[in-house]
């Protein structure tokens, strides 16, 4: 077991992360509020963020005010920019950081329609996770969502997060009960999780039309099986 007597990490902060398909950049209200609002289709942001706990937005002013409120609450929001089109296409935040224990959560995750059926979201979350484990040295990276949010739960598993259980009656969200599903990656798991991401994101895994040849889950399972044989 690792000796943690001298373990120390810094809180996460705004960071710019460059990938092949996407750039993760720190949120700046003057640059990103309008771009995010448009990326999510204006008031179509409400169904997109159905499982977020805040009330529905009546306009961009509400959205801007909410972003400022979560920043004051300790969230560190980042936006995703498509490197090809240069358009803002989504967002996610580092949140609930606990540097004393090396734990941080990725939350406030929202992908616009432009991110669907593309490598953008996978690479964006790979970059954010890699920064947490390899640059900051954290021990645990969390993903939580409303237990009714089947797409978010499937995404967490696809990215390599392990399901840990349900926190029953965890929150009140938009006037209704929310049970929260918890997922995590820990530092000992990250090398295999990263290897899966690296294999999936490699140019060799995409055909001439930009479609994946092999699924991320299958690549990671194969790497895990190989590691078990070698052990």
C-alpha atoms as a PDB file:
ATOM      1  CA  UNK A   1       0.000   0.000   0.000  1.00  0.00           C
ATOM      2  CA  UNK A   2       1.241   3.456  -0.896  1.00  0.00           C
ATOM      3  CA  UNK A   3       2.569   5.511   2.000  1.00  0.00           C
ATOM      4  CA  UNK A   4       0.394   8.636   1.995  1.00  0.00           C
ATOM      5  CA  UNK A   5       1.956  10.434   4.961  1.00  0.00           C
ATOM      6  CA  UNK A   6       3.462  13.075   2.689  1.00  0.00           C
ATOM      7  CA  UNK A   7       0.793  12.981  -0.022  1.00  0.00           C
ATOM      8  CA  UNK A   8      -0.105  16.471  -1.206  1.00  0.00           C
ATOM      9  CA  UNK A   9      -1.767  17.848  -4.327  1.00  0.00           C
ATOM     10  CA  UNK A  10      -2.978  21.275  -5.340  1.00  0.00           C
ATOM     11  CA  UNK A  11      -6.602  22.188  -6.083  1.00  0.00           C
ATOM     12  CA  UNK A  12      -7.473  21.994  -9.769  1.00  0.00           C
ATOM     13  CA  UNK A  13      -7.635  25.289 -11.617  1.00  0.00           C
ATOM     14  CA  UNK A  14      -8.493  26.554 -15.070  1.00  0.00           C
ATOM     15  CA  UNK A  15      -6.382  24.803 -17.695  1.00  0.00           C
ATOM     16  CA  UNK A  16      -6.110  24.642 -21.476  1.00  0.00           C
ATOM     17  CA  UNK A  17      -5.785  21.134 -22.897  1.00  0.00           C
ATOM     18  CA  UNK A  18      -5.101  20.479 -26.576  1.00  0.00           C
ATOM     19  CA  UNK A  19      -6.158  17.325 -28.362  1.00  0.00           C
ATOM     20  CA  UNK A  20      -6.290  16.228 -31.969  1.00  0.00           C
ATOM     21  CA  UNK A  21     -10.027  16.860 -32.300  1.00  0.00           C
ATOM     22  CA  UNK A  22     -10.917  19.210 -29.458  1.00  0.00           C
ATOM     23  CA  UNK A  23      -9.525  21.928 -27.242  1.00  0.00           C
ATOM     24  CA  UNK A  24     -10.600  22.151 -23.596  1.00  0.00           C
ATOM     25  CA  UNK A  25     -10.354  25.770 -22.492  1.00  0.00           C
ATOM     26  CA  UNK A  26     -11.189  27.645 -19.276  1.00  0.00           C
ATOM     27  CA  UNK A  27     -14.628  29.241 -19.217  1.00  0.00           C
ATOM     28  CA  UNK A  28     -14.686  33.016 -19.644  1.00  0.00           C
ATOM     29  CA  UNK A  29     -18.123  34.594 -19.503  1.00  0.00           C
ATOM     30  CA  UNK A  30     -17.322  37.273 -22.069  1.00  0.00           C
ATOM     31  CA  UNK A  31     -16.175  34.674 -24.594  1.00  0.00           C
ATOM     32  CA  UNK A  32     -18.351  31.664 -23.887  1.00  0.00           C
ATOM     33  CA  UNK A  33     -21.833  32.396 -22.526  1.00  0.00           C
ATOM     34  CA  UNK A  34     -23.281  33.347 -25.905  1.00  0.00           C
ATOM     35  CA  UNK A  35     -21.360  30.594 -27.689  1.00  0.00           C
ATOM     36  CA  UNK A  36     -22.629  27.920 -25.296  1.00  0.00           C
ATOM     37  CA  UNK A  37     -26.195  29.241 -25.447  1.00  0.00           C
ATOM     38  CA  UNK A  38     -26.138  29.025 -29.236  1.00  0.00           C
ATOM     39  CA  UNK A  39     -24.448  25.613 -29.237  1.00  0.00           C
ATOM     40  CA  UNK A  40     -27.264  24.217 -27.085  1.00  0.00           C
ATOM     41  CA  UNK A  41     -29.947  25.778 -29.297  1.00  0.00           C
ATOM     42  CA  UNK A  42     -31.126  28.611 -27.064  1.00  0.00           C
ATOM     43  CA  UNK A  43     -34.036  27.431 -24.931  1.00  0.00           C
ATOM     44  CA  UNK A  44     -33.394  23.901 -26.169  1.00  0.00           C
ATOM     45  CA  UNK A  45     -30.787  23.973 -23.429  1.00  0.00           C
ATOM     46  CA  UNK A  46     -33.549  23.064 -20.975  1.00  0.00           C
ATOM     47  CA  UNK A  47     -34.207  19.553 -22.316  1.00  0.00           C
ATOM     48  CA  UNK A  48     -30.457  19.110 -22.842  1.00  0.00           C
ATOM     49  CA  UNK A  49     -29.852  19.897 -19.163  1.00  0.00           C
ATOM     50  CA  UNK A  50     -32.998  18.119 -17.963  1.00  0.00           C
ATOM     51  CA  UNK A  51     -31.098  16.265 -15.240  1.00  0.00           C
ATOM     52  CA  UNK A  52     -29.234  19.291 -13.905  1.00  0.00           C
ATOM     53  CA  UNK A  53     -30.623  20.371 -10.544  1.00  0.00           C
ATOM     54  CA  UNK A  54     -31.126  24.085 -11.273  1.00  0.00           C
ATOM     55  CA  UNK A  55     -34.559  25.402 -12.373  1.00  0.00           C
ATOM     56  CA  UNK A  56     -35.286  25.719 -16.073  1.00  0.00           C
ATOM     57  CA  UNK A  57     -33.760  28.757 -17.752  1.00  0.00           C
ATOM     58  CA  UNK A  58     -36.071  31.432 -19.152  1.00  0.00           C
ATOM     59  CA  UNK A  59     -33.301  32.987 -21.238  1.00  0.00           C
ATOM     60  CA  UNK A  60     -29.584  33.543 -21.633  1.00  0.00           C
ATOM     61  CA  UNK A  61     -29.507  35.856 -18.623  1.00  0.00           C
ATOM     62  CA  UNK A  62     -30.592  32.977 -16.362  1.00  0.00           C
ATOM     63  CA  UNK A  63     -27.950  30.752 -17.919  1.00  0.00           C
ATOM     64  CA  UNK A  64     -25.219  33.346 -17.376  1.00  0.00           C
ATOM     65  CA  UNK A  65     -26.313  33.915 -13.779  1.00  0.00           C
ATOM     66  CA  UNK A  66     -26.314  30.166 -13.087  1.00  0.00           C
ATOM     67  CA  UNK A  67     -22.771  29.801 -14.433  1.00  0.00           C
ATOM     68  CA  UNK A  68     -21.580  32.608 -12.180  1.00  0.00           C
ATOM     69  CA  UNK A  69     -23.320  31.016  -9.191  1.00  0.00           C
ATOM     70  CA  UNK A  70     -21.655  27.628  -9.670  1.00  0.00           C
ATOM     71  CA  UNK A  71     -18.268  29.292 -10.083  1.00  0.00           C
ATOM     72  CA  UNK A  72     -18.827  31.016  -6.741  1.00  0.00           C
ATOM     73  CA  UNK A  73     -19.714  27.587  -5.357  1.00  0.00           C
ATOM     74  CA  UNK A  74     -16.353  26.176  -6.368  1.00  0.00           C
ATOM     75  CA  UNK A  75     -16.972  24.742  -9.837  1.00  0.00           C
ATOM     76  CA  UNK A  76     -14.213  25.288 -12.409  1.00  0.00           C
ATOM     77  CA  UNK A  77     -16.054  25.207 -15.743  1.00  0.00           C
ATOM     78  CA  UNK A  78     -14.353  24.464 -19.044  1.00  0.00           C
ATOM     79  CA  UNK A  79     -15.688  24.577 -22.562  1.00  0.00           C
ATOM     80  CA  UNK A  80     -15.015  22.234 -25.457  1.00  0.00           C
ATOM     81  CA  UNK A  81     -14.056  23.745 -28.816  1.00  0.00           C
ATOM     82  CA  UNK A  82     -14.034  21.744 -32.041  1.00  0.00           C
ATOM     83  CA  UNK A  83     -10.563  22.241 -33.497  1.00  0.00           C
ATOM     84  CA  UNK A  84     -11.857  21.835 -37.044  1.00  0.00           C
ATOM     85  CA  UNK A  85     -14.812  24.235 -36.996  1.00  0.00           C
ATOM     86  CA  UNK A  86     -13.518  26.389 -34.099  1.00  0.00           C
ATOM     87  CA  UNK A  87     -17.032  26.277 -32.648  1.00  0.00           C
ATOM     88  CA  UNK A  88     -17.805  25.846 -28.951  1.00  0.00           C
ATOM     89  CA  UNK A  89     -19.616  22.506 -28.651  1.00  0.00           C
ATOM     90  CA  UNK A  90     -19.932  21.606 -24.967  1.00  0.00           C
ATOM     91  CA  UNK A  91     -18.803  22.051 -21.393  1.00  0.00           C
ATOM     92  CA  UNK A  92     -17.814  20.268 -18.170  1.00  0.00           C
ATOM     93  CA  UNK A  93     -16.463  21.352 -14.792  1.00  0.00           C
ATOM     94  CA  UNK A  94     -14.001  20.185 -12.212  1.00  0.00           C
ATOM     95  CA  UNK A  95     -16.006  20.333  -8.991  1.00  0.00           C
ATOM     96  CA  UNK A  96     -16.111  19.319  -5.325  1.00  0.00           C
ATOM     97  CA  UNK A  97     -12.340  19.159  -5.217  1.00  0.00           C
ATOM     98  CA  UNK A  98     -10.858  17.586  -2.085  1.00  0.00           C
ATOM     99  CA  UNK A  99      -7.086  18.039  -2.428  1.00  0.00           C
ATOM    100  CA  UNK A 100      -6.409  16.667   1.063  1.00  0.00           C
ATOM    101  CA  UNK A 101      -7.647  13.278  -0.117  1.00  0.00           C
ATOM    102  CA  UNK A 102      -6.814  13.599  -3.816  1.00  0.00           C
ATOM    103  CA  UNK A 103     -10.423  13.498  -5.014  1.00  0.00           C
ATOM    104  CA  UNK A 104     -12.192  15.600  -7.640  1.00  0.00           C
ATOM    105  CA  UNK A 105     -15.379  15.190  -9.650  1.00  0.00           C
ATOM    106  CA  UNK A 106     -16.155  16.000 -13.256  1.00  0.00           C
ATOM    107  CA  UNK A 107     -19.690  17.354 -13.491  1.00  0.00           C
ATOM    108  CA  UNK A 108     -21.911  19.905 -15.143  1.00  0.00           C
ATOM    109  CA  UNK A 109     -21.325  17.868 -18.301  1.00  0.00           C
ATOM    110  CA  UNK A 110     -23.268  18.998 -21.362  1.00  0.00           C
ATOM    111  CA  UNK A 111     -22.630  17.994 -24.975  1.00  0.00           C
ATOM    112  CA  UNK A 112     -24.263  19.880 -27.824  1.00  0.00           C
ATOM    113  CA  UNK A 113     -25.671  18.065 -30.884  1.00  0.00           C
ATOM    114  CA  UNK A 114     -22.416  18.887 -32.696  1.00  0.00           C
ATOM    115  CA  UNK A 115     -20.571  16.461 -30.404  1.00  0.00           C
ATOM    116  CA  UNK A 116     -22.773  13.469 -31.173  1.00  0.00           C
ATOM    117  CA  UNK A 117     -21.325  10.617 -33.229  1.00  0.00           C
ATOM    118  CA  UNK A 118     -17.875  12.177 -33.183  1.00  0.00           C
ATOM    119  CA  UNK A 119     -14.617  11.697 -31.246  1.00  0.00           C
ATOM    120  CA  UNK A 120     -14.955  15.140 -29.636  1.00  0.00           C
ATOM    121  CA  UNK A 121     -16.579  14.147 -26.356  1.00  0.00           C
ATOM    122  CA  UNK A 122     -14.364  11.108 -25.831  1.00  0.00           C
ATOM    123  CA  UNK A 123     -11.192  13.087 -26.380  1.00  0.00           C
ATOM    124  CA  UNK A 124     -12.380  15.996 -24.212  1.00  0.00           C
ATOM    125  CA  UNK A 125     -13.023  13.716 -21.243  1.00  0.00           C
ATOM    126  CA  UNK A 126      -9.785  11.836 -21.847  1.00  0.00           C
ATOM    127  CA  UNK A 127      -7.886  15.130 -21.688  1.00  0.00           C
ATOM    128  CA  UNK A 128      -9.625  16.192 -18.478  1.00  0.00           C
ATOM    129  CA  UNK A 129      -8.996  12.836 -16.789  1.00  0.00           C
ATOM    130  CA  UNK A 130      -5.368  12.703 -17.907  1.00  0.00           C
ATOM    131  CA  UNK A 131      -4.786  16.162 -16.437  1.00  0.00           C
ATOM    132  CA  UNK A 132      -6.267  15.060 -13.096  1.00  0.00           C
ATOM    133  CA  UNK A 133      -4.175  11.916 -12.770  1.00  0.00           C
ATOM    134  CA  UNK A 134      -0.927  12.735 -14.548  1.00  0.00           C
ATOM    135  CA  UNK A 135      -0.472  16.474 -14.046  1.00  0.00           C
ATOM    136  CA  UNK A 136      -2.216  17.063 -10.724  1.00  0.00           C
ATOM    137  CA  UNK A 137      -1.552  13.629  -9.204  1.00  0.00           C
ATOM    138  CA  UNK A 138      -5.060  12.951  -7.885  1.00  0.00           C
ATOM    139  CA  UNK A 139      -6.053   9.520  -6.563  1.00  0.00           C
ATOM    140  CA  UNK A 140      -9.757   9.450  -7.456  1.00  0.00           C
ATOM    141  CA  UNK A 141     -11.846  10.981 -10.252  1.00  0.00           C
ATOM    142  CA  UNK A 142     -15.623  10.925  -9.831  1.00  0.00           C
ATOM    143  CA  UNK A 143     -18.639  11.040 -12.139  1.00  0.00           C
ATOM    144  CA  UNK A 144     -22.128  11.397 -10.633  1.00  0.00           C
ATOM    145  CA  UNK A 145     -25.509  11.744 -12.268  1.00  0.00           C
ATOM    146  CA  UNK A 146     -29.237  11.459 -11.711  1.00  0.00           C
ATOM    147  CA  UNK A 147     -29.998   7.747 -11.614  1.00  0.00           C
ATOM    148  CA  UNK A 148     -32.731   8.325 -14.222  1.00  0.00           C
ATOM    149  CA  UNK A 149     -30.148   9.645 -16.676  1.00  0.00           C
ATOM    150  CA  UNK A 150     -29.425   6.467 -18.617  1.00  0.00           C
ATOM    151  CA  UNK A 151     -27.239   8.146 -21.283  1.00  0.00           C
ATOM    152  CA  UNK A 152     -24.959   9.676 -18.636  1.00  0.00           C
ATOM    153  CA  UNK A 153     -24.575   6.347 -16.847  1.00  0.00           C
ATOM    154  CA  UNK A 154     -23.758   4.599 -20.117  1.00  0.00           C
ATOM    155  CA  UNK A 155     -21.217   7.294 -20.971  1.00  0.00           C
ATOM    156  CA  UNK A 156     -19.474   6.951 -17.609  1.00  0.00           C
ATOM    157  CA  UNK A 157     -19.098   3.203 -18.112  1.00  0.00           C
ATOM    158  CA  UNK A 158     -17.902   3.684 -21.687  1.00  0.00           C
ATOM    159  CA  UNK A 159     -15.186   6.060 -20.487  1.00  0.00           C
ATOM    160  CA  UNK A 160     -13.951   3.509 -17.958  1.00  0.00           C
ATOM    161  CA  UNK A 161     -15.564   4.741 -14.741  1.00  0.00           C
ATOM    162  CA  UNK A 162     -16.595   1.971 -12.341  1.00  0.00           C
ATOM    163  CA  UNK A 163     -20.135   2.009 -10.954  1.00  0.00           C
ATOM    164  CA  UNK A 164     -20.112   2.280  -7.165  1.00  0.00           C
ATOM    165  CA  UNK A 165     -23.774   2.468  -6.198  1.00  0.00           C
ATOM    166  CA  UNK A 166     -26.813   4.678  -5.693  1.00  0.00           C
ATOM    167  CA  UNK A 167     -27.129   7.447  -3.114  1.00  0.00           C
ATOM    168  CA  UNK A 168     -30.860   7.315  -2.430  1.00  0.00           C
ATOM    169  CA  UNK A 169     -32.772  10.574  -1.937  1.00  0.00           C
ATOM    170  CA  UNK A 170     -29.510  12.430  -2.405  1.00  0.00           C
ATOM    171  CA  UNK A 171     -30.986  15.684  -3.747  1.00  0.00           C
ATOM    172  CA  UNK A 172     -34.127  17.538  -4.729  1.00  0.00           C
ATOM    173  CA  UNK A 173     -33.881  18.370  -8.433  1.00  0.00           C
ATOM    174  CA  UNK A 174     -36.422  20.627 -10.138  1.00  0.00           C
ATOM    175  CA  UNK A 175     -38.902  19.864  -7.382  1.00  0.00           C
ATOM    176  CA  UNK A 176     -38.526  16.080  -7.537  1.00  0.00           C
ATOM    177  CA  UNK A 177     -36.439  13.483  -5.737  1.00  0.00           C
ATOM    178  CA  UNK A 178     -33.050  12.615  -7.195  1.00  0.00           C
ATOM    179  CA  UNK A 179     -31.248   9.375  -6.483  1.00  0.00           C
ATOM    180  CA  UNK A 180     -27.631   9.806  -7.564  1.00  0.00           C
ATOM    181  CA  UNK A 181     -25.525   7.171  -9.316  1.00  0.00           C
ATOM    182  CA  UNK A 182     -21.823   7.276  -8.375  1.00  0.00           C
ATOM    183  CA  UNK A 183     -18.915   6.250 -10.585  1.00  0.00           C
ATOM    184  CA  UNK A 184     -15.157   6.617 -10.244  1.00  0.00           C
ATOM    185  CA  UNK A 185     -11.746   5.930 -11.712  1.00  0.00           C
ATOM    186  CA  UNK A 186      -8.882   5.548  -9.243  1.00  0.00           C
ATOM    187  CA  UNK A 187      -5.219   6.105  -9.929  1.00  0.00           C
ATOM    188  CA  UNK A 188      -4.305   2.400 -10.050  1.00  0.00           C
ATOM    189  CA  UNK A 189      -6.897   1.905 -12.812  1.00  0.00           C
ATOM    190  CA  UNK A 190      -5.885   4.917 -14.862  1.00  0.00           C
ATOM    191  CA  UNK A 191      -2.987   3.353 -16.859  1.00  0.00           C
ATOM    192  CA  UNK A 192      -5.312   0.752 -18.430  1.00  0.00           C
ATOM    193  CA  UNK A 193      -8.104   3.277 -18.875  1.00  0.00           C
ATOM    194  CA  UNK A 194      -5.655   5.622 -20.579  1.00  0.00           C
ATOM    195  CA  UNK A 195      -4.335   2.862 -22.822  1.00  0.00           C
ATOM    196  CA  UNK A 196      -7.885   2.219 -23.998  1.00  0.00           C
ATOM    197  CA  UNK A 197      -8.413   5.891 -24.770  1.00  0.00           C
ATOM    198  CA  UNK A 198      -5.086   6.080 -26.605  1.00  0.00           C
ATOM    199  CA  UNK A 199      -5.932   3.053 -28.734  1.00  0.00           C
ATOM    200  CA  UNK A 200      -9.417   4.326 -29.535  1.00  0.00           C
ATOM    201  CA  UNK A 201      -8.259   7.850 -30.402  1.00  0.00           C
ATOM    202  CA  UNK A 202      -5.393   6.719 -32.629  1.00  0.00           C
ATOM    203  CA  UNK A 203      -5.781   7.577 -36.332  1.00  0.00           C
ATOM    204  CA  UNK A 204      -5.627   3.855 -37.146  1.00  0.00           C
ATOM    205  CA  UNK A 205      -8.961   3.328 -35.372  1.00  0.00           C
ATOM    206  CA  UNK A 206     -10.894   5.535 -37.788  1.00  0.00           C
ATOM    207  CA  UNK A 207     -11.863   4.806 -41.385  1.00  0.00           C
ATOM    208  CA  UNK A 208     -11.816   7.258 -44.291  1.00  0.00           C
ATOM    209  CA  UNK A 209     -15.246   8.577 -43.249  1.00  0.00           C
ATOM    210  CA  UNK A 210     -14.104   9.232 -39.688  1.00  0.00           C
ATOM    211  CA  UNK A 211     -16.054   6.309 -38.221  1.00  0.00           C
ATOM    212  CA  UNK A 212     -14.596   4.155 -35.454  1.00  0.00           C
ATOM    213  CA  UNK A 213     -13.355   0.696 -36.354  1.00  0.00           C
ATOM    214  CA  UNK A 214     -13.385  -0.685 -32.815  1.00  0.00           C
ATOM    215  CA  UNK A 215     -15.361   0.361 -29.753  1.00  0.00           C
ATOM    216  CA  UNK A 216     -13.640   1.904 -26.757  1.00  0.00           C
ATOM    217  CA  UNK A 217     -15.133  -0.700 -24.410  1.00  0.00           C
ATOM    218  CA  UNK A 218     -13.816  -3.560 -26.546  1.00  0.00           C
ATOM    219  CA  UNK A 219     -10.319  -2.112 -26.761  1.00  0.00           C
ATOM    220  CA  UNK A 220     -10.178  -1.578 -23.011  1.00  0.00           C
ATOM    221  CA  UNK A 221     -11.487  -5.086 -22.317  1.00  0.00           C
ATOM    222  CA  UNK A 222      -8.814  -6.560 -24.570  1.00  0.00           C
ATOM    223  CA  UNK A 223      -6.074  -4.554 -22.862  1.00  0.00           C
ATOM    224  CA  UNK A 224      -7.394  -5.597 -19.455  1.00  0.00           C
ATOM    225  CA  UNK A 225      -7.393  -9.269 -20.471  1.00  0.00           C
ATOM    226  CA  UNK A 226      -3.849  -8.970 -21.813  1.00  0.00           C
ATOM    227  CA  UNK A 227      -2.712  -7.348 -18.568  1.00  0.00           C
ATOM    228  CA  UNK A 228      -4.266 -10.203 -16.606  1.00  0.00           C
ATOM    229  CA  UNK A 229      -2.433 -12.791 -18.684  1.00  0.00           C
ATOM    230  CA  UNK A 230       0.887 -10.969 -18.285  1.00  0.00           C
ATOM    231  CA  UNK A 231       0.380 -10.710 -14.518  1.00  0.00           C
END
